Amino acid sequence: MSRGLRSCEHCGVLFEQRRRGGKPQRFCTIRCQETARARRQGVRPAEAVGHRSDGTFAIGAPPEQRFLERITIDADGHWLWPNIATDSGYGCGFWLDGQTMRAHRAAHILFIGPIPKGLTVDHVCRVRACCNPEHLEAVTHWENCRRARAAKAERRVA
């Protein structure tokens, strides 16, 4: 085996190894990694759906299904994401279209449509962990900042 090539621990395909965080890459694709993890946990890949609390993984499940299986809905109608990014309060860690993204951006893409170029996703409800599509709107960065300042000023008055 030539330098830089490694055999995938799941399917055996040779791939060019890239180091991630000092650890050698063990699988050729994310799919191989998730399939191997599901098998280690005693779940057949065809049955593995979503990142559930029981530890099963999404293999072939539609992204909308994977997304909806992870949220919890509170009394105010907020779709709360279980993984919160440190200090920022945004839901994070959803794999979509070959990348990990924040939950509110994934919700907009999945349930509303693509985020237009030059716009950001604003939480109209002002709850950063919320990813309810009815509480999201694509706006300019300036408008998002203006709304955030107005909400902050309103909280100070109240």
N, C-alpha and C. Protein backbone atom coordinates (compact mmCIF):
# COMPACT_ATOMS: atom_id res chain seq x y z
N MET A 1 0.85 -1.18 0.00
CA MET A 1 0.00 0.00 0.00
C MET A 1 0.89 1.23 0.00
N SER A 2 0.66 2.16 -0.91
CA SER A 2 1.50 3.34 -0.99
C SER A 2 1.15 4.32 0.13
N ARG A 3 2.07 5.23 0.37
CA ARG A 3 1.93 6.19 1.45
C ARG A 3 0.70 7.08 1.20
N GLY A 4 -0.11 7.32 2.25
CA GLY A 4 -1.28 8.16 2.13
C GLY A 4 -2.55 7.41 1.79
N LEU A 5 -2.44 6.16 1.33
CA LEU A 5 -3.62 5.37 1.03
C LEU A 5 -3.94 4.46 2.21
N ARG A 6 -5.22 4.28 2.42
CA ARG A 6 -5.67 3.43 3.52
C ARG A 6 -6.90 2.65 3.06
N SER A 7 -7.10 1.50 3.64
CA SER A 7 -8.25 0.67 3.33
C SER A 7 -9.38 1.01 4.30
N CYS A 8 -10.58 1.27 3.78
CA CYS A 8 -11.76 1.58 4.60
C CYS A 8 -12.05 0.38 5.51
N GLU A 9 -12.26 0.64 6.79
CA GLU A 9 -12.52 -0.43 7.76
C GLU A 9 -13.88 -1.08 7.54
N HIS A 10 -14.76 -0.43 6.77
CA HIS A 10 -16.08 -1.01 6.54
C HIS A 10 -16.15 -1.76 5.20
N CYS A 11 -15.81 -1.05 4.11
CA CYS A 11 -16.01 -1.65 2.79
C CYS A 11 -14.72 -2.14 2.13
N GLY A 12 -13.57 -1.75 2.68
CA GLY A 12 -12.30 -2.22 2.14
C GLY A 12 -11.76 -1.43 0.97
N VAL A 13 -12.46 -0.40 0.51
CA VAL A 13 -12.02 0.42 -0.61
C VAL A 13 -10.79 1.23 -0.20
N LEU A 14 -9.83 1.35 -1.11
CA LEU A 14 -8.66 2.19 -0.84
C LEU A 14 -9.03 3.65 -1.04
N PHE A 15 -8.63 4.50 -0.10
CA PHE A 15 -8.90 5.93 -0.22
C PHE A 15 -7.71 6.71 0.29
N GLU A 16 -7.61 7.96 -0.16
CA GLU A 16 -6.53 8.82 0.29
C GLU A 16 -6.88 9.34 1.68
N GLN A 17 -6.01 9.07 2.60
CA GLN A 17 -6.26 9.39 4.00
C GLN A 17 -5.97 10.86 4.29
N ARG A 18 -6.89 11.49 5.04
CA ARG A 18 -6.68 12.85 5.53
C ARG A 18 -6.77 12.81 7.04
N ARG A 19 -5.87 13.48 7.69
CA ARG A 19 -5.90 13.50 9.16
C ARG A 19 -6.95 14.49 9.63
N ARG A 20 -7.69 14.07 10.64
CA ARG A 20 -8.71 14.93 11.24
C ARG A 20 -8.47 14.97 12.73
N GLY A 21 -8.06 16.11 13.24
CA GLY A 21 -7.84 16.25 14.67
C GLY A 21 -6.75 15.34 15.20
N GLY A 22 -5.75 15.02 14.39
CA GLY A 22 -4.65 14.18 14.82
C GLY A 22 -4.92 12.69 14.72
N LYS A 23 -6.16 12.31 14.47
CA LYS A 23 -6.50 10.89 14.34
C LYS A 23 -6.55 10.50 12.87
N PRO A 24 -6.09 9.30 12.53
CA PRO A 24 -6.19 8.88 11.14
C PRO A 24 -7.64 8.59 10.75
N GLN A 25 -7.97 8.88 9.52
CA GLN A 25 -9.30 8.63 9.00
C GLN A 25 -9.48 7.12 8.83
N ARG A 26 -10.58 6.56 9.32
CA ARG A 26 -10.78 5.12 9.29
C ARG A 26 -11.73 4.67 8.19
N PHE A 27 -12.59 5.56 7.69
CA PHE A 27 -13.60 5.18 6.72
C PHE A 27 -13.51 6.08 5.49
N CYS A 28 -13.90 5.54 4.32
CA CYS A 28 -13.80 6.30 3.08
C CYS A 28 -14.88 7.36 2.96
N THR A 29 -16.06 7.13 3.54
CA THR A 29 -17.16 8.10 3.48
C THR A 29 -17.89 8.13 4.81
N ILE A 30 -18.70 9.16 5.00
CA ILE A 30 -19.54 9.27 6.20
C ILE A 30 -20.53 8.10 6.23
N ARG A 31 -21.04 7.72 5.06
CA ARG A 31 -21.99 6.60 5.00
C ARG A 31 -21.37 5.32 5.55
N CYS A 32 -20.12 5.03 5.16
CA CYS A 32 -19.42 3.84 5.69
C CYS A 32 -19.24 3.97 7.21
N GLN A 33 -18.89 5.16 7.67
CA GLN A 33 -18.70 5.37 9.10
C GLN A 33 -20.00 5.13 9.87
N GLU A 34 -21.12 5.69 9.39
CA GLU A 34 -22.40 5.52 10.07
C GLU A 34 -22.89 4.08 9.99
N THR A 35 -22.67 3.42 8.85
CA THR A 35 -23.08 2.02 8.72
C THR A 35 -22.30 1.15 9.70
N ALA A 36 -20.99 1.36 9.80
CA ALA A 36 -20.16 0.58 10.73
C ALA A 36 -20.60 0.85 12.17
N ARG A 37 -20.89 2.11 12.50
CA ARG A 37 -21.34 2.45 13.85
C ARG A 37 -22.68 1.79 14.18
N ALA A 38 -23.60 1.81 13.21
CA ALA A 38 -24.90 1.18 13.42
C ALA A 38 -24.74 -0.32 13.64
N ARG A 39 -23.88 -0.96 12.86
CA ARG A 39 -23.66 -2.41 13.03
C ARG A 39 -23.03 -2.72 14.38
N ARG A 40 -22.09 -1.87 14.82
CA ARG A 40 -21.46 -2.07 16.13
C ARG A 40 -22.50 -2.01 17.24
N GLN A 41 -23.53 -1.17 17.05
CA GLN A 41 -24.56 -1.01 18.06
C GLN A 41 -25.68 -2.04 17.91
N GLY A 42 -25.52 -2.94 16.98
CA GLY A 42 -26.49 -4.01 16.82
C GLY A 42 -27.71 -3.63 16.02
N VAL A 43 -27.63 -2.58 15.23
CA VAL A 43 -28.76 -2.14 14.42
C VAL A 43 -28.42 -2.40 12.97
N ARG A 44 -29.31 -3.05 12.25
CA ARG A 44 -29.06 -3.23 10.83
C ARG A 44 -29.21 -1.89 10.13
N PRO A 45 -28.34 -1.56 9.17
CA PRO A 45 -28.39 -0.26 8.53
C PRO A 45 -29.75 0.09 7.93
N ALA A 46 -30.47 -0.88 7.39
CA ALA A 46 -31.78 -0.59 6.81
C ALA A 46 -32.77 -0.13 7.87
N GLU A 47 -32.56 -0.53 9.13
CA GLU A 47 -33.47 -0.15 10.21
C GLU A 47 -33.03 1.12 10.92
N ALA A 48 -31.80 1.52 10.71
CA ALA A 48 -31.27 2.69 11.43
C ALA A 48 -31.86 3.96 10.85
N VAL A 49 -32.56 4.71 11.67
CA VAL A 49 -33.20 5.94 11.21
C VAL A 49 -33.00 7.03 12.26
N GLY A 50 -32.41 8.14 11.86
CA GLY A 50 -32.29 9.31 12.74
C GLY A 50 -31.30 9.13 13.88
N HIS A 51 -30.79 10.23 14.40
CA HIS A 51 -29.94 10.22 15.58
C HIS A 51 -30.87 10.26 16.79
N ARG A 52 -31.37 9.11 17.18
CA ARG A 52 -32.33 9.05 18.28
C ARG A 52 -31.60 8.85 19.60
N SER A 53 -32.36 8.97 20.68
CA SER A 53 -31.77 8.79 22.01
C SER A 53 -31.29 7.36 22.22
N ASP A 54 -31.84 6.40 21.44
CA ASP A 54 -31.40 5.01 21.60
C ASP A 54 -30.11 4.73 20.84
N GLY A 55 -29.55 5.75 20.17
CA GLY A 55 -28.25 5.60 19.53
C GLY A 55 -28.27 5.12 18.10
N THR A 56 -29.43 4.97 17.48
CA THR A 56 -29.45 4.56 16.09
C THR A 56 -29.14 5.76 15.21
N PHE A 57 -28.73 5.49 13.97
CA PHE A 57 -28.30 6.53 13.07
C PHE A 57 -29.11 6.55 11.80
N ALA A 58 -29.13 7.69 11.13
CA ALA A 58 -29.87 7.84 9.88
C ALA A 58 -29.02 7.33 8.73
N ILE A 59 -29.48 6.29 8.12
CA ILE A 59 -28.81 5.78 6.93
C ILE A 59 -29.89 5.63 5.87
N GLY A 60 -29.92 6.53 4.95
CA GLY A 60 -30.91 6.50 3.89
C GLY A 60 -32.24 7.14 4.25
N ALA A 61 -32.42 7.62 5.47
CA ALA A 61 -33.67 8.28 5.84
C ALA A 61 -33.70 9.67 5.22
N PRO A 62 -34.90 10.12 4.81
CA PRO A 62 -34.98 11.48 4.26
C PRO A 62 -34.56 12.51 5.30
N PRO A 63 -33.92 13.60 4.88
CA PRO A 63 -33.45 14.58 5.86
C PRO A 63 -34.57 15.20 6.68
N GLU A 64 -35.76 15.36 6.09
CA GLU A 64 -36.89 15.92 6.85
C GLU A 64 -37.23 15.01 8.03
N GLN A 65 -37.22 13.69 7.79
CA GLN A 65 -37.52 12.73 8.84
C GLN A 65 -36.46 12.76 9.93
N ARG A 66 -35.18 12.79 9.52
CA ARG A 66 -34.10 12.87 10.51
C ARG A 66 -34.22 14.13 11.35
N PHE A 67 -34.58 15.24 10.69
CA PHE A 67 -34.70 16.52 11.38
C PHE A 67 -35.84 16.47 12.40
N LEU A 68 -37.02 16.05 11.96
CA LEU A 68 -38.20 16.06 12.84
C LEU A 68 -38.06 15.10 14.01
N GLU A 69 -37.28 14.03 13.86
CA GLU A 69 -37.09 13.09 14.96
C GLU A 69 -36.25 13.66 16.09
N ARG A 70 -35.52 14.73 15.84
CA ARG A 70 -34.62 15.28 16.85
C ARG A 70 -35.22 16.43 17.65
N ILE A 71 -36.25 17.08 17.14
CA ILE A 71 -36.77 18.26 17.81
C ILE A 71 -37.75 17.91 18.93
N THR A 72 -37.92 18.86 19.85
CA THR A 72 -38.99 18.80 20.83
C THR A 72 -39.79 20.08 20.68
N ILE A 73 -41.11 19.98 20.82
CA ILE A 73 -41.98 21.15 20.66
C ILE A 73 -42.47 21.57 22.03
N ASP A 74 -42.25 22.86 22.36
CA ASP A 74 -42.68 23.34 23.68
C ASP A 74 -44.09 23.94 23.59
N ALA A 75 -44.60 24.44 24.71
CA ALA A 75 -45.98 24.95 24.79
C ALA A 75 -46.19 26.18 23.91
N ASP A 76 -45.14 26.94 23.62
CA ASP A 76 -45.26 28.14 22.80
C ASP A 76 -45.11 27.85 21.31
N GLY A 77 -44.96 26.59 20.93
CA GLY A 77 -44.84 26.21 19.53
C GLY A 77 -43.43 26.28 18.99
N HIS A 78 -42.44 26.46 19.87
CA HIS A 78 -41.05 26.47 19.42
C HIS A 78 -40.59 25.04 19.18
N TRP A 79 -39.90 24.82 18.06
CA TRP A 79 -39.27 23.54 17.79
C TRP A 79 -37.86 23.65 18.35
N LEU A 80 -37.61 23.08 19.48
CA LEU A 80 -36.32 23.24 20.14
C LEU A 80 -35.36 22.14 19.73
N TRP A 81 -34.15 22.55 19.39
CA TRP A 81 -33.11 21.63 18.94
C TRP A 81 -32.33 21.17 20.16
N PRO A 82 -32.06 19.86 20.29
CA PRO A 82 -31.42 19.36 21.51
C PRO A 82 -29.95 19.75 21.67
N ASN A 83 -29.21 19.92 20.59
CA ASN A 83 -27.79 20.27 20.68
C ASN A 83 -27.62 21.77 20.53
N ILE A 84 -27.20 22.42 21.60
CA ILE A 84 -27.03 23.87 21.58
C ILE A 84 -25.55 24.19 21.52
N ALA A 85 -25.18 25.09 20.61
CA ALA A 85 -23.79 25.52 20.48
C ALA A 85 -23.40 26.29 21.74
N THR A 86 -22.17 26.18 22.14
CA THR A 86 -21.71 26.83 23.35
C THR A 86 -21.89 28.34 23.27
N ASP A 87 -22.44 28.90 24.29
CA ASP A 87 -22.64 30.35 24.49
C ASP A 87 -23.57 31.02 23.49
N SER A 88 -23.60 30.60 22.23
CA SER A 88 -24.40 31.33 21.25
C SER A 88 -25.89 31.02 21.37
N GLY A 89 -26.23 29.81 21.82
CA GLY A 89 -27.63 29.45 21.99
C GLY A 89 -28.30 28.89 20.74
N TYR A 90 -27.59 28.82 19.62
CA TYR A 90 -28.18 28.28 18.40
C TYR A 90 -28.10 26.76 18.39
N GLY A 91 -29.13 26.13 17.81
CA GLY A 91 -29.10 24.69 17.62
C GLY A 91 -28.06 24.35 16.55
N CYS A 92 -27.26 23.32 16.79
CA CYS A 92 -26.20 23.02 15.82
C CYS A 92 -26.10 21.53 15.58
N GLY A 93 -25.40 21.18 14.53
CA GLY A 93 -25.04 19.80 14.29
C GLY A 93 -25.98 19.00 13.42
N PHE A 94 -26.59 19.60 12.37
CA PHE A 94 -27.42 18.82 11.46
C PHE A 94 -26.68 18.69 10.14
N TRP A 95 -26.55 17.45 9.67
CA TRP A 95 -25.84 17.15 8.43
C TRP A 95 -26.81 17.23 7.26
N LEU A 96 -26.54 18.16 6.32
CA LEU A 96 -27.41 18.34 5.16
C LEU A 96 -26.57 18.79 3.97
N ASP A 97 -26.80 18.19 2.83
CA ASP A 97 -26.10 18.56 1.59
C ASP A 97 -24.58 18.55 1.75
N GLY A 98 -24.06 17.55 2.44
CA GLY A 98 -22.63 17.38 2.56
C GLY A 98 -21.94 18.29 3.55
N GLN A 99 -22.70 18.94 4.43
CA GLN A 99 -22.07 19.79 5.43
C GLN A 99 -22.91 19.83 6.71
N THR A 100 -22.23 20.14 7.81
CA THR A 100 -22.92 20.32 9.08
C THR A 100 -23.34 21.77 9.17
N MET A 101 -24.59 22.00 9.57
CA MET A 101 -25.07 23.38 9.67
C MET A 101 -25.94 23.55 10.90
N ARG A 102 -26.21 24.79 11.23
CA ARG A 102 -27.07 25.09 12.35
C ARG A 102 -28.50 24.70 12.02
N ALA A 103 -29.24 24.33 13.06
CA ALA A 103 -30.58 23.77 12.90
C ALA A 103 -31.54 24.73 12.21
N HIS A 104 -31.50 26.02 12.54
CA HIS A 104 -32.46 26.95 11.94
C HIS A 104 -32.21 27.12 10.44
N ARG A 105 -30.97 27.06 10.02
CA ARG A 105 -30.67 27.14 8.59
C ARG A 105 -31.15 25.88 7.87
N ALA A 106 -30.92 24.71 8.50
CA ALA A 106 -31.39 23.44 7.91
C ALA A 106 -32.91 23.44 7.81
N ALA A 107 -33.60 23.93 8.85
CA ALA A 107 -35.06 23.97 8.84
C ALA A 107 -35.56 24.85 7.70
N HIS A 108 -34.92 25.98 7.49
CA HIS A 108 -35.34 26.86 6.40
C HIS A 108 -35.16 26.16 5.06
N ILE A 109 -34.03 25.53 4.85
CA ILE A 109 -33.77 24.84 3.59
C ILE A 109 -34.75 23.68 3.37
N LEU A 110 -35.01 22.90 4.42
CA LEU A 110 -35.87 21.72 4.28
C LEU A 110 -37.35 22.06 4.13
N PHE A 111 -37.85 23.05 4.87
CA PHE A 111 -39.29 23.27 4.94
C PHE A 111 -39.77 24.54 4.24
N ILE A 112 -38.87 25.47 3.94
CA ILE A 112 -39.26 26.70 3.25
C ILE A 112 -38.65 26.73 1.85
N GLY A 113 -37.35 26.48 1.79
CA GLY A 113 -36.64 26.50 0.51
C GLY A 113 -35.24 27.03 0.73
N PRO A 114 -34.45 27.13 -0.35
CA PRO A 114 -33.07 27.60 -0.20
C PRO A 114 -33.03 29.02 0.36
N ILE A 115 -31.96 29.31 1.08
CA ILE A 115 -31.76 30.65 1.62
C ILE A 115 -31.17 31.50 0.50
N PRO A 116 -31.87 32.58 0.10
CA PRO A 116 -31.35 33.40 -1.00
C PRO A 116 -29.97 33.97 -0.67
N LYS A 117 -29.15 34.09 -1.68
CA LYS A 117 -27.79 34.62 -1.52
C LYS A 117 -27.86 36.03 -0.94
N GLY A 118 -27.01 36.28 0.05
CA GLY A 118 -26.96 37.60 0.68
C GLY A 118 -27.92 37.77 1.84
N LEU A 119 -28.74 36.75 2.13
CA LEU A 119 -29.68 36.84 3.24
C LEU A 119 -29.28 35.88 4.35
N THR A 120 -29.72 36.19 5.56
CA THR A 120 -29.52 35.32 6.72
C THR A 120 -30.89 34.90 7.22
N VAL A 121 -30.92 33.89 8.08
CA VAL A 121 -32.18 33.41 8.63
C VAL A 121 -32.38 34.06 9.99
N ASP A 122 -33.50 34.77 10.13
CA ASP A 122 -33.84 35.46 11.37
C ASP A 122 -34.87 34.65 12.15
N HIS A 123 -34.66 34.57 13.48
CA HIS A 123 -35.65 33.97 14.36
C HIS A 123 -36.65 35.07 14.73
N VAL A 124 -37.82 35.05 14.12
CA VAL A 124 -38.83 36.07 14.40
C VAL A 124 -39.26 35.98 15.86
N CYS A 125 -39.23 34.78 16.44
CA CYS A 125 -39.63 34.56 17.83
C CYS A 125 -38.53 34.96 18.82
N ARG A 126 -37.33 35.24 18.33
CA ARG A 126 -36.16 35.63 19.13
C ARG A 126 -35.63 34.51 20.01
N VAL A 127 -36.02 33.26 19.77
CA VAL A 127 -35.50 32.10 20.51
C VAL A 127 -34.49 31.41 19.60
N ARG A 128 -33.23 31.51 19.95
CA ARG A 128 -32.16 31.01 19.07
C ARG A 128 -32.20 29.50 18.88
N ALA A 129 -32.65 28.74 19.85
CA ALA A 129 -32.71 27.28 19.73
C ALA A 129 -33.91 26.82 18.92
N CYS A 130 -34.82 27.74 18.59
CA CYS A 130 -36.04 27.39 17.85
C CYS A 130 -35.72 27.21 16.37
N CYS A 131 -36.32 26.16 15.78
CA CYS A 131 -36.14 25.93 14.35
C CYS A 131 -37.48 25.65 13.67
N ASN A 132 -38.56 26.21 14.24
CA ASN A 132 -39.89 26.12 13.64
C ASN A 132 -39.90 26.99 12.38
N PRO A 133 -40.20 26.42 11.22
CA PRO A 133 -40.18 27.21 9.97
C PRO A 133 -41.12 28.42 10.02
N GLU A 134 -42.19 28.34 10.81
CA GLU A 134 -43.11 29.47 10.93
C GLU A 134 -42.49 30.62 11.71
N HIS A 135 -41.42 30.35 12.45
CA HIS A 135 -40.74 31.37 13.24
C HIS A 135 -39.46 31.87 12.56
N LEU A 136 -39.23 31.47 11.32
CA LEU A 136 -38.00 31.83 10.61
C LEU A 136 -38.32 32.66 9.38
N GLU A 137 -37.41 33.59 9.08
CA GLU A 137 -37.58 34.43 7.89
C GLU A 137 -36.20 34.80 7.35
N ALA A 138 -36.05 34.73 6.05
CA ALA A 138 -34.79 35.12 5.42
C ALA A 138 -34.79 36.64 5.25
N VAL A 139 -33.81 37.30 5.86
CA VAL A 139 -33.70 38.76 5.82
C VAL A 139 -32.24 39.14 5.61
N THR A 140 -32.01 40.42 5.35
CA THR A 140 -30.62 40.88 5.24
C THR A 140 -29.99 40.89 6.63
N HIS A 141 -28.67 40.87 6.66
CA HIS A 141 -27.96 40.91 7.94
C HIS A 141 -28.33 42.18 8.71
N TRP A 142 -28.43 43.29 7.99
CA TRP A 142 -28.77 44.56 8.62
C TRP A 142 -30.14 44.49 9.30
N GLU A 143 -31.13 43.92 8.59
CA GLU A 143 -32.48 43.80 9.15
C GLU A 143 -32.49 42.88 10.37
N ASN A 144 -31.73 41.82 10.31
CA ASN A 144 -31.63 40.89 11.44
C ASN A 144 -31.06 41.61 12.66
N CYS A 145 -30.00 42.39 12.46
CA CYS A 145 -29.41 43.15 13.57
C CYS A 145 -30.38 44.20 14.10
N ARG A 146 -31.10 44.88 13.22
CA ARG A 146 -32.08 45.89 13.63
C ARG A 146 -33.17 45.26 14.50
N ARG A 147 -33.68 44.11 14.07
CA ARG A 147 -34.72 43.43 14.86
C ARG A 147 -34.19 42.98 16.22
N ALA A 148 -32.96 42.50 16.25
CA ALA A 148 -32.37 42.06 17.52
C ALA A 148 -32.22 43.24 18.48
N ARG A 149 -31.76 44.39 17.97
CA ARG A 149 -31.63 45.59 18.82
C ARG A 149 -32.99 46.04 19.33
N ALA A 150 -34.00 46.02 18.48
CA ALA A 150 -35.35 46.43 18.88
C ALA A 150 -35.90 45.50 19.96
N ALA A 151 -35.68 44.19 19.80
CA ALA A 151 -36.15 43.24 20.81
C ALA A 151 -35.43 43.43 22.13
N LYS A 152 -34.13 43.71 22.07
CA LYS A 152 -33.35 43.94 23.29
C LYS A 152 -33.83 45.19 24.01
N ALA A 153 -34.10 46.25 23.25
CA ALA A 153 -34.62 47.50 23.84
C ALA A 153 -35.99 47.28 24.46
N GLU A 154 -36.81 46.48 23.80
CA GLU A 154 -38.16 46.18 24.32
C GLU A 154 -38.08 45.41 25.63
N ARG A 155 -37.13 44.47 25.74
CA ARG A 155 -36.96 43.71 26.99
C ARG A 155 -36.51 44.61 28.13
N ARG A 156 -35.67 45.61 27.83
CA ARG A 156 -35.20 46.53 28.86
C ARG A 156 -36.33 47.36 29.42
N VAL A 157 -37.26 47.78 28.56
CA VAL A 157 -38.40 48.61 28.97
C VAL A 157 -39.36 47.80 29.82
N ALA A 158 -39.56 46.55 29.46
CA ALA A 158 -40.55 45.71 30.15
C ALA A 158 -40.11 45.28 31.53
